[in-house]
PDB file of all heavy atoms in Angstrom:
ATOM      1  N   TYR A   1     -14.402 -23.477  13.734  1.00  0.00           N
ATOM      2  CA  TYR A   1     -14.284 -22.038  13.472  1.00  0.00           C
ATOM      3  C   TYR A   1     -15.278 -21.203  14.280  1.00  0.00           C
ATOM      4  O   TYR A   1     -15.510 -20.040  13.959  1.00  0.00           O
ATOM      5  CB  TYR A   1     -14.467 -21.763  11.978  1.00  0.00           C
ATOM      6  CG  TYR A   1     -13.318 -22.261  11.131  1.00  0.00           C
ATOM      7  CD1 TYR A   1     -13.419 -23.469  10.438  1.00  0.00           C
ATOM      8  CD2 TYR A   1     -12.131 -21.540  11.041  1.00  0.00           C
ATOM      9  CE1 TYR A   1     -12.369 -23.937   9.666  1.00  0.00           C
ATOM     10  CE2 TYR A   1     -11.076 -22.005  10.275  1.00  0.00           C
ATOM     11  CZ  TYR A   1     -11.195 -23.202   9.587  1.00  0.00           C
ATOM     12  OH  TYR A   1     -10.154 -23.675   8.829  1.00  0.00           O
ATOM     13  N   GLU A   2     -15.824 -21.782  15.347  1.00  0.00           N
ATOM     14  CA  GLU A   2     -16.817 -21.043  16.129  1.00  0.00           C
ATOM     15  C   GLU A   2     -16.229 -19.789  16.764  1.00  0.00           C
ATOM     16  O   GLU A   2     -16.887 -18.756  16.863  1.00  0.00           O
ATOM     17  CB  GLU A   2     -17.417 -21.951  17.204  1.00  0.00           C
ATOM     18  CG  GLU A   2     -18.506 -21.275  18.025  1.00  0.00           C
ATOM     19  CD  GLU A   2     -19.178 -22.223  19.000  1.00  0.00           C
ATOM     20  OE1 GLU A   2     -18.995 -23.456  18.847  1.00  0.00           O
ATOM     21  OE2 GLU A   2     -19.874 -21.737  19.905  1.00  0.00           O
ATOM     22  N   PHE A   3     -14.991 -19.885  17.208  1.00  0.00           N
ATOM     23  CA  PHE A   3     -14.351 -18.746  17.875  1.00  0.00           C
ATOM     24  C   PHE A   3     -13.216 -18.178  17.023  1.00  0.00           C
ATOM     25  O   PHE A   3     -12.229 -17.680  17.549  1.00  0.00           O
ATOM     26  CB  PHE A   3     -13.842 -19.157  19.257  1.00  0.00           C
ATOM     27  CG  PHE A   3     -14.930 -19.537  20.209  1.00  0.00           C
ATOM     28  CD1 PHE A   3     -15.222 -20.871  20.456  1.00  0.00           C
ATOM     29  CD2 PHE A   3     -15.703 -18.567  20.821  1.00  0.00           C
ATOM     30  CE1 PHE A   3     -16.237 -21.227  21.319  1.00  0.00           C
ATOM     31  CE2 PHE A   3     -16.722 -18.912  21.692  1.00  0.00           C
ATOM     32  CZ  PHE A   3     -16.997 -20.246  21.945  1.00  0.00           C
ATOM     33  N   ALA A   4     -13.381 -18.272  15.710  1.00  0.00           N
ATOM     34  CA  ALA A   4     -12.394 -17.726  14.781  1.00  0.00           C
ATOM     35  C   ALA A   4     -12.898 -16.409  14.201  1.00  0.00           C
ATOM     36  O   ALA A   4     -14.101 -16.199  14.053  1.00  0.00           O
ATOM     37  CB  ALA A   4     -12.110 -18.716  13.656  1.00  0.00           C
ATOM     38  N   SER A   5     -11.976 -15.512  13.887  1.00  0.00           N
ATOM     39  CA  SER A   5     -12.323 -14.238  13.259  1.00  0.00           C
ATOM     40  C   SER A   5     -11.264 -13.896  12.221  1.00  0.00           C
ATOM     41  O   SER A   5     -10.115 -14.344  12.320  1.00  0.00           O
ATOM     42  CB  SER A   5     -12.425 -13.124  14.305  1.00  0.00           C
ATOM     43  OG  SER A   5     -11.208 -12.975  15.021  1.00  0.00           O
ATOM     44  N   ARG A   6     -11.632 -13.098  11.238  1.00  0.00           N
ATOM     45  CA  ARG A   6     -10.710 -12.707  10.184  1.00  0.00           C
ATOM     46  C   ARG A   6      -9.905 -11.490  10.632  1.00  0.00           C
ATOM     47  O   ARG A   6     -10.414 -10.590  11.291  1.00  0.00           O
ATOM     48  CB  ARG A   6     -11.443 -12.362   8.899  1.00  0.00           C
ATOM     49  CG  ARG A   6     -12.304 -13.458   8.325  1.00  0.00           C
ATOM     50  CD  ARG A   6     -11.545 -14.718   7.990  1.00  0.00           C
ATOM     51  NE  ARG A   6     -10.480 -14.516   7.024  1.00  0.00           N
ATOM     52  CZ  ARG A   6      -9.733 -15.495   6.523  1.00  0.00           C
ATOM     53  NH1 ARG A   6      -9.946 -16.752   6.913  1.00  0.00           N
ATOM     54  NH2 ARG A   6      -8.778 -15.257   5.666  1.00  0.00           N
ATOM     55  N   GLU A   7      -8.636 -11.490  10.284  1.00  0.00           N
ATOM     56  CA  GLU A   7      -7.748 -10.359  10.570  1.00  0.00           C
ATOM     57  C   GLU A   7      -7.078  -9.946   9.263  1.00  0.00           C
ATOM     58  O   GLU A   7      -6.704 -10.797   8.454  1.00  0.00           O
ATOM     59  CB  GLU A   7      -6.673 -10.750  11.593  1.00  0.00           C
ATOM     60  CG  GLU A   7      -7.202 -11.037  12.984  1.00  0.00           C
ATOM     61  CD  GLU A   7      -7.444  -9.770  13.784  1.00  0.00           C
ATOM     62  OE1 GLU A   7      -7.072  -8.680  13.300  1.00  0.00           O
ATOM     63  OE2 GLU A   7      -7.993  -9.879  14.902  1.00  0.00           O
ATOM     64  N   THR A   8      -6.927  -8.644   9.065  1.00  0.00           N
ATOM     65  CA  THR A   8      -6.301  -8.120   7.844  1.00  0.00           C
ATOM     66  C   THR A   8      -4.998  -7.418   8.194  1.00  0.00           C
ATOM     67  O   THR A   8      -4.965  -6.570   9.088  1.00  0.00           O
ATOM     68  CB  THR A   8      -7.242  -7.142   7.122  1.00  0.00           C
ATOM     69  OG1 THR A   8      -8.456  -7.817   6.786  1.00  0.00           O
ATOM     70  CG2 THR A   8      -6.596  -6.623   5.839  1.00  0.00           C
ATOM     71  N   LEU A   9      -3.949  -7.782   7.499  1.00  0.00           N
ATOM     72  CA  LEU A   9      -2.623  -7.199   7.725  1.00  0.00           C
ATOM     73  C   LEU A   9      -2.298  -6.240   6.581  1.00  0.00           C
ATOM     74  O   LEU A   9      -2.274  -6.631   5.413  1.00  0.00           O
ATOM     75  CB  LEU A   9      -1.560  -8.300   7.808  1.00  0.00           C
ATOM     76  CG  LEU A   9      -0.107  -7.839   7.928  1.00  0.00           C
ATOM     77  CD1 LEU A   9       0.104  -7.071   9.230  1.00  0.00           C
ATOM     78  CD2 LEU A   9       0.837  -9.028   7.847  1.00  0.00           C
ATOM     79  N   LYS A  10      -2.045  -4.994   6.925  1.00  0.00           N
ATOM     80  CA  LYS A  10      -1.617  -4.003   5.941  1.00  0.00           C
ATOM     81  C   LYS A  10      -0.113  -3.793   6.085  1.00  0.00           C
ATOM     82  O   LYS A  10       0.375  -3.447   7.160  1.00  0.00           O
ATOM     83  CB  LYS A  10      -2.356  -2.674   6.159  1.00  0.00           C
ATOM     84  CG  LYS A  10      -2.012  -1.612   5.127  1.00  0.00           C
ATOM     85  CD  LYS A  10      -2.773  -0.327   5.372  1.00  0.00           C
ATOM     86  CE  LYS A  10      -2.396   0.739   4.339  1.00  0.00           C
ATOM     87  NZ  LYS A  10      -3.115   2.013   4.575  1.00  0.00           N
ATOM     88  N   LEU A  11       0.608  -4.015   5.005  1.00  0.00           N
ATOM     89  CA  LEU A  11       2.054  -3.898   5.038  1.00  0.00           C
ATOM     90  C   LEU A  11       2.491  -2.440   4.905  1.00  0.00           C
ATOM     91  O   LEU A  11       1.820  -1.627   4.270  1.00  0.00           O
ATOM     92  CB  LEU A  11       2.674  -4.730   3.922  1.00  0.00           C
ATOM     93  CG  LEU A  11       2.376  -6.236   3.974  1.00  0.00           C
ATOM     94  CD1 LEU A  11       2.882  -6.917   2.708  1.00  0.00           C
ATOM     95  CD2 LEU A  11       2.992  -6.869   5.208  1.00  0.00           C
ATOM     96  N   SER A  12       3.648  -2.133   5.498  1.00  0.00           N
ATOM     97  CA  SER A  12       4.222  -0.786   5.437  1.00  0.00           C
ATOM     98  C   SER A  12       5.467  -0.794   4.558  1.00  0.00           C
ATOM     99  O   SER A  12       6.114  -1.835   4.406  1.00  0.00           O
ATOM    100  CB  SER A  12       4.586  -0.303   6.846  1.00  0.00           C
ATOM    101  OG  SER A  12       3.438  -0.246   7.668  1.00  0.00           O
ATOM    102  N   PRO A  13       5.847   0.351   3.990  1.00  0.00           N
ATOM    103  CA  PRO A  13       7.057   0.406   3.168  1.00  0.00           C
ATOM    104  C   PRO A  13       8.305   0.497   4.048  1.00  0.00           C
ATOM    105  O   PRO A  13       8.218   0.901   5.206  1.00  0.00           O
ATOM    106  CB  PRO A  13       6.862   1.687   2.360  1.00  0.00           C
ATOM    107  CG  PRO A  13       6.069   2.567   3.281  1.00  0.00           C
ATOM    108  CD  PRO A  13       5.145   1.645   4.030  1.00  0.00           C
ATOM    109  N   PRO A  14       9.460   0.143   3.509  1.00  0.00           N
ATOM    110  CA  PRO A  14      10.700   0.421   4.245  1.00  0.00           C
ATOM    111  C   PRO A  14      10.914   1.925   4.342  1.00  0.00           C
ATOM    112  O   PRO A  14      10.340   2.689   3.547  1.00  0.00           O
ATOM    113  CB  PRO A  14      11.779  -0.252   3.392  1.00  0.00           C
ATOM    114  CG  PRO A  14      11.192  -0.329   2.025  1.00  0.00           C
ATOM    115  CD  PRO A  14       9.718  -0.488   2.207  1.00  0.00           C
ATOM    116  N   PRO A  15      11.721   2.393   5.288  1.00  0.00           N
ATOM    117  CA  PRO A  15      11.898   3.849   5.460  1.00  0.00           C
ATOM    118  C   PRO A  15      12.314   4.588   4.191  1.00  0.00           C
ATOM    119  O   PRO A  15      11.868   5.714   3.956  1.00  0.00           O
ATOM    120  CB  PRO A  15      12.978   3.937   6.546  1.00  0.00           C
ATOM    121  CG  PRO A  15      12.809   2.693   7.336  1.00  0.00           C
ATOM    122  CD  PRO A  15      12.409   1.632   6.347  1.00  0.00           C
ATOM    123  N   VAL A  16      13.151   3.955   3.364  1.00  0.00           N
ATOM    124  CA  VAL A  16      13.621   4.653   2.162  1.00  0.00           C
ATOM    125  C   VAL A  16      12.521   4.817   1.122  1.00  0.00           C
ATOM    126  O   VAL A  16      12.693   5.567   0.153  1.00  0.00           O
ATOM    127  CB  VAL A  16      14.826   3.916   1.530  1.00  0.00           C
ATOM    128  CG1 VAL A  16      16.029   3.973   2.456  1.00  0.00           C
ATOM    129  CG2 VAL A  16      14.467   2.476   1.176  1.00  0.00           C
ATOM    130  N   TRP A  17      11.396   4.123   1.282  1.00  0.00           N
ATOM    131  CA  TRP A  17      10.277   4.263   0.363  1.00  0.00           C
ATOM    132  C   TRP A  17       9.133   5.065   0.964  1.00  0.00           C
ATOM    133  O   TRP A  17       8.053   5.143   0.370  1.00  0.00           O
ATOM    134  CB  TRP A  17       9.769   2.885  -0.066  1.00  0.00           C
ATOM    135  CG  TRP A  17      10.667   2.208  -1.055  1.00  0.00           C
ATOM    136  CD1 TRP A  17      11.811   2.702  -1.602  1.00  0.00           C
ATOM    137  CD2 TRP A  17      10.490   0.902  -1.606  1.00  0.00           C
ATOM    138  NE1 TRP A  17      12.371   1.790  -2.456  1.00  0.00           N
ATOM    139  CE2 TRP A  17      11.581   0.666  -2.479  1.00  0.00           C
ATOM    140  CE3 TRP A  17       9.538  -0.091  -1.451  1.00  0.00           C
ATOM    141  CZ2 TRP A  17      11.728  -0.520  -3.190  1.00  0.00           C
ATOM    142  CZ3 TRP A  17       9.674  -1.291  -2.158  1.00  0.00           C
ATOM    143  CH2 TRP A  17      10.757  -1.492  -3.018  1.00  0.00           C
ATOM    144  N   ASP A  18       9.328   5.663   2.109  1.00  0.00           N
ATOM    145  CA  ASP A  18       8.291   6.525   2.681  1.00  0.00           C
ATOM    146  C   ASP A  18       7.987   7.661   1.704  1.00  0.00           C
ATOM    147  O   ASP A  18       8.895   8.357   1.238  1.00  0.00           O
ATOM    148  CB  ASP A  18       8.753   7.117   4.015  1.00  0.00           C
ATOM    149  CG  ASP A  18       8.597   6.141   5.167  1.00  0.00           C
ATOM    150  OD1 ASP A  18       7.849   5.153   5.015  1.00  0.00           O
ATOM    151  OD2 ASP A  18       9.234   6.354   6.217  1.00  0.00           O
ATOM    152  N   GLY A  19       6.734   7.846   1.388  1.00  0.00           N
ATOM    153  CA  GLY A  19       6.349   8.960   0.527  1.00  0.00           C
ATOM    154  C   GLY A  19       6.200   8.617  -0.939  1.00  0.00           C
ATOM    155  O   GLY A  19       5.649   9.421  -1.700  1.00  0.00           O
ATOM    156  N   ILE A  20       6.681   7.450  -1.389  1.00  0.00           N
ATOM    157  CA  ILE A  20       6.519   7.121  -2.806  1.00  0.00           C
ATOM    158  C   ILE A  20       5.130   6.527  -3.036  1.00  0.00           C
ATOM    159  O   ILE A  20       4.494   6.003  -2.131  1.00  0.00           O
ATOM    160  CB  ILE A  20       7.614   6.159  -3.303  1.00  0.00           C
ATOM    161  CG1 ILE A  20       7.401   4.748  -2.741  1.00  0.00           C
ATOM    162  CG2 ILE A  20       8.992   6.666  -2.966  1.00  0.00           C
ATOM    163  CD1 ILE A  20       8.276   3.715  -3.388  1.00  0.00           C
ATOM    164  N   GLU A  21       4.660   6.580  -4.253  1.00  0.00           N
ATOM    165  CA  GLU A  21       3.342   6.067  -4.594  1.00  0.00           C
ATOM    166  C   GLU A  21       3.308   4.546  -4.474  1.00  0.00           C
ATOM    167  O   GLU A  21       4.297   3.875  -4.801  1.00  0.00           O
ATOM    168  CB  GLU A  21       2.977   6.467  -6.025  1.00  0.00           C
ATOM    169  CG  GLU A  21       2.751   7.958  -6.214  1.00  0.00           C
ATOM    170  CD  GLU A  21       1.526   8.435  -5.447  1.00  0.00           C
ATOM    171  OE1 GLU A  21       0.555   7.660  -5.344  1.00  0.00           O
ATOM    172  OE2 GLU A  21       1.543   9.581  -4.961  1.00  0.00           O
ATOM    173  N   PRO A  22       2.175   3.975  -4.019  1.00  0.00           N
ATOM    174  CA  PRO A  22       2.083   2.514  -3.894  1.00  0.00           C
ATOM    175  C   PRO A  22       2.361   1.772  -5.200  1.00  0.00           C
ATOM    176  O   PRO A  22       2.996   0.708  -5.187  1.00  0.00           O
ATOM    177  CB  PRO A  22       0.629   2.300  -3.433  1.00  0.00           C
ATOM    178  CG  PRO A  22       0.267   3.572  -2.722  1.00  0.00           C
ATOM    179  CD  PRO A  22       0.985   4.653  -3.473  1.00  0.00           C
ATOM    180  N   LYS A  23       1.916   2.322  -6.327  1.00  0.00           N
ATOM    181  CA  LYS A  23       2.168   1.652  -7.610  1.00  0.00           C
ATOM    182  C   LYS A  23       3.653   1.591  -7.923  1.00  0.00           C
ATOM    183  O   LYS A  23       4.152   0.595  -8.463  1.00  0.00           O
ATOM    184  CB  LYS A  23       1.427   2.377  -8.741  1.00  0.00           C
ATOM    185  CG  LYS A  23      -0.081   2.168  -8.713  1.00  0.00           C
ATOM    186  CD  LYS A  23      -0.738   2.819  -9.928  1.00  0.00           C
ATOM    187  CE  LYS A  23      -2.246   2.585  -9.930  1.00  0.00           C
ATOM    188  NZ  LYS A  23      -2.902   3.216 -11.100  1.00  0.00           N
ATOM    189  N   GLU A  24       4.375   2.650  -7.566  1.00  0.00           N
ATOM    190  CA  GLU A  24       5.812   2.659  -7.800  1.00  0.00           C
ATOM    191  C   GLU A  24       6.503   1.638  -6.899  1.00  0.00           C
ATOM    192  O   GLU A  24       7.447   0.952  -7.326  1.00  0.00           O
ATOM    193  CB  GLU A  24       6.371   4.063  -7.543  1.00  0.00           C
ATOM    194  CG  GLU A  24       7.889   4.172  -7.628  1.00  0.00           C
ATOM    195  CD  GLU A  24       8.453   3.838  -8.990  1.00  0.00           C
ATOM    196  OE1 GLU A  24       7.686   3.803  -9.990  1.00  0.00           O
ATOM    197  OE2 GLU A  24       9.670   3.624  -9.085  1.00  0.00           O
ATOM    198  N   ALA A  25       6.038   1.521  -5.654  1.00  0.00           N
ATOM    199  CA  ALA A  25       6.602   0.522  -4.747  1.00  0.00           C
ATOM    200  C   ALA A  25       6.374  -0.885  -5.292  1.00  0.00           C
ATOM    201  O   ALA A  25       7.285  -1.727  -5.264  1.00  0.00           O
ATOM    202  CB  ALA A  25       5.987   0.660  -3.356  1.00  0.00           C
ATOM    203  N   CYS A  26       5.186  -1.159  -5.832  1.00  0.00           N
ATOM    204  CA  CYS A  26       4.904  -2.473  -6.417  1.00  0.00           C
ATOM    205  C   CYS A  26       5.825  -2.750  -7.598  1.00  0.00           C
ATOM    206  O   CYS A  26       6.317  -3.875  -7.774  1.00  0.00           O
ATOM    207  CB  CYS A  26       3.447  -2.555  -6.851  1.00  0.00           C
ATOM    208  SG  CYS A  26       2.266  -2.524  -5.491  1.00  0.00           S
ATOM    209  N   ARG A  27       6.038  -1.728  -8.438  1.00  0.00           N
ATOM    210  CA  ARG A  27       6.908  -1.907  -9.599  1.00  0.00           C
ATOM    211  C   ARG A  27       8.327  -2.272  -9.174  1.00  0.00           C
ATOM    212  O   ARG A  27       8.948  -3.172  -9.741  1.00  0.00           O
ATOM    213  CB  ARG A  27       6.927  -0.619 -10.440  1.00  0.00           C
ATOM    214  CG  ARG A  27       7.695  -0.731 -11.751  1.00  0.00           C
ATOM    215  CD  ARG A  27       7.890   0.618 -12.405  1.00  0.00           C
ATOM    216  NE  ARG A  27       8.776   1.482 -11.628  1.00  0.00           N
ATOM    217  CZ  ARG A  27      10.110   1.372 -11.619  1.00  0.00           C
ATOM    218  NH1 ARG A  27      10.702   0.431 -12.333  1.00  0.00           N
ATOM    219  NH2 ARG A  27      10.834   2.197 -10.892  1.00  0.00           N
ATOM    220  N   ARG A  28       8.826  -1.598  -8.138  1.00  0.00           N
ATOM    221  CA  ARG A  28      10.182  -1.881  -7.660  1.00  0.00           C
ATOM    222  C   ARG A  28      10.272  -3.281  -7.059  1.00  0.00           C
ATOM    223  O   ARG A  28      11.274  -3.983  -7.239  1.00  0.00           O
ATOM    224  CB  ARG A  28      10.598  -0.830  -6.635  1.00  0.00           C
ATOM    225  CG  ARG A  28      10.689   0.578  -7.207  1.00  0.00           C
ATOM    226  CD  ARG A  28      11.158   1.577  -6.150  1.00  0.00           C
ATOM    227  NE  ARG A  28      11.092   2.948  -6.647  1.00  0.00           N
ATOM    228  CZ  ARG A  28      11.518   4.004  -5.960  1.00  0.00           C
ATOM    229  NH1 ARG A  28      12.029   3.849  -4.736  1.00  0.00           N
ATOM    230  NH2 ARG A  28      11.432   5.215  -6.481  1.00  0.00           N
ATOM    231  N   VAL A  29       9.227  -3.686  -6.346  1.00  0.00           N
ATOM    232  CA  VAL A  29       9.216  -5.035  -5.780  1.00  0.00           C
ATOM    233  C   VAL A  29       9.228  -6.071  -6.903  1.00  0.00           C
ATOM    234  O   VAL A  29       9.974  -7.066  -6.843  1.00  0.00           O
ATOM    235  CB  VAL A  29       7.984  -5.235  -4.864  1.00  0.00           C
ATOM    236  CG1 VAL A  29       7.800  -6.712  -4.522  1.00  0.00           C
ATOM    237  CG2 VAL A  29       8.131  -4.418  -3.580  1.00  0.00           C
ATOM    238  N   CYS A  30       8.424  -5.854  -7.930  1.00  0.00           N
ATOM    239  CA  CYS A  30       8.385  -6.803  -9.051  1.00  0.00           C
ATOM    240  C   CYS A  30       9.749  -6.906  -9.735  1.00  0.00           C
ATOM    241  O   CYS A  30      10.165  -8.003 -10.150  1.00  0.00           O
ATOM    242  CB  CYS A  30       7.324  -6.374 -10.067  1.00  0.00           C
ATOM    243  SG  CYS A  30       5.624  -6.568  -9.474  1.00  0.00           S
ATOM    244  N   GLU A  31      10.459  -5.793  -9.854  1.00  0.00           N
ATOM    245  CA  GLU A  31      11.804  -5.825 -10.436  1.00  0.00           C
ATOM    246  C   GLU A  31      12.737  -6.682  -9.588  1.00  0.00           C
ATOM    247  O   GLU A  31      13.523  -7.479 -10.115  1.00  0.00           O
ATOM    248  CB  GLU A  31      12.361  -4.403 -10.564  1.00  0.00           C
ATOM    249  CG  GLU A  31      11.761  -3.593 -11.688  1.00  0.00           C
ATOM    250  CD  GLU A  31      12.409  -2.219 -11.807  1.00  0.00           C
ATOM    251  OE1 GLU A  31      13.248  -1.881 -10.933  1.00  0.00           O
ATOM    252  OE2 GLU A  31      12.077  -1.490 -12.768  1.00  0.00           O
ATOM    253  N   MET A  32      12.674  -6.506  -8.267  1.00  0.00           N
ATOM    254  CA  MET A  32      13.521  -7.305  -7.378  1.00  0.00           C
ATOM    255  C   MET A  32      13.214  -8.791  -7.511  1.00  0.00           C
ATOM    256  O   MET A  32      14.124  -9.629  -7.581  1.00  0.00           O
ATOM    257  CB  MET A  32      13.302  -6.879  -5.924  1.00  0.00           C
ATOM    258  CG  MET A  32      13.862  -5.529  -5.561  1.00  0.00           C
ATOM    259  SD  MET A  32      13.634  -5.246  -3.787  1.00  0.00           S
ATOM    260  CE  MET A  32      14.206  -3.556  -3.673  1.00  0.00           C
ATOM    261  N   VAL A  33      11.923  -9.128  -7.547  1.00  0.00           N
ATOM    262  CA  VAL A  33      11.532 -10.532  -7.651  1.00  0.00           C
ATOM    263  C   VAL A  33      12.000 -11.123  -8.976  1.00  0.00           C
ATOM    264  O   VAL A  33      12.475 -12.268  -9.031  1.00  0.00           O
ATOM    265  CB  VAL A  33      10.010 -10.677  -7.477  1.00  0.00           C
ATOM    266  CG1 VAL A  33       9.560 -12.110  -7.777  1.00  0.00           C
ATOM    267  CG2 VAL A  33       9.589 -10.286  -6.061  1.00  0.00           C
ATOM    268  N   CYS A  34      11.903 -10.358 -10.056  1.00  0.00           N
ATOM    269  CA  CYS A  34      12.389 -10.843 -11.359  1.00  0.00           C
ATOM    270  C   CYS A  34      13.888 -11.112 -11.318  1.00  0.00           C
ATOM    271  O   CYS A  34      14.373 -12.086 -11.911  1.00  0.00           O
ATOM    272  CB  CYS A  34      12.059  -9.819 -12.448  1.00  0.00           C
ATOM    273  SG  CYS A  34      10.300  -9.730 -12.871  1.00  0.00           S
ATOM    274  N   GLU A  35      14.636 -10.259 -10.626  1.00  0.00           N
ATOM    275  CA  GLU A  35      16.077 -10.482 -10.480  1.00  0.00           C
ATOM    276  C   GLU A  35      16.358 -11.764  -9.704  1.00  0.00           C
ATOM    277  O   GLU A  35      17.257 -12.541 -10.057  1.00  0.00           O
ATOM    278  CB  GLU A  35      16.721  -9.290  -9.768  1.00  0.00           C
ATOM    279  CG  GLU A  35      16.729  -8.009 -10.587  1.00  0.00           C
ATOM    280  CD  GLU A  35      17.198  -6.811  -9.779  1.00  0.00           C
ATOM    281  OE1 GLU A  35      17.544  -7.011  -8.584  1.00  0.00           O
ATOM    282  OE2 GLU A  35      17.225  -5.686 -10.315  1.00  0.00           O
ATOM    283  N   VAL A  36      15.575 -12.006  -8.653  1.00  0.00           N
ATOM    284  CA  VAL A  36      15.746 -13.228  -7.860  1.00  0.00           C
ATOM    285  C   VAL A  36      15.466 -14.458  -8.723  1.00  0.00           C
ATOM    286  O   VAL A  36      16.218 -15.447  -8.683  1.00  0.00           O
ATOM    287  CB  VAL A  36      14.812 -13.200  -6.628  1.00  0.00           C
ATOM    288  CG1 VAL A  36      14.778 -14.571  -5.949  1.00  0.00           C
ATOM    289  CG2 VAL A  36      15.263 -12.142  -5.640  1.00  0.00           C
TER     290      VAL A  36
END
């Protein structure tokens, strides 16, 4: 790990969720996962 570094990935919403609150996006994702 001498030449290793940490990278952080921030996810973006799909276009239809642009502008909604992050908590609401999480709630919708959890609903989808429960359906799956």
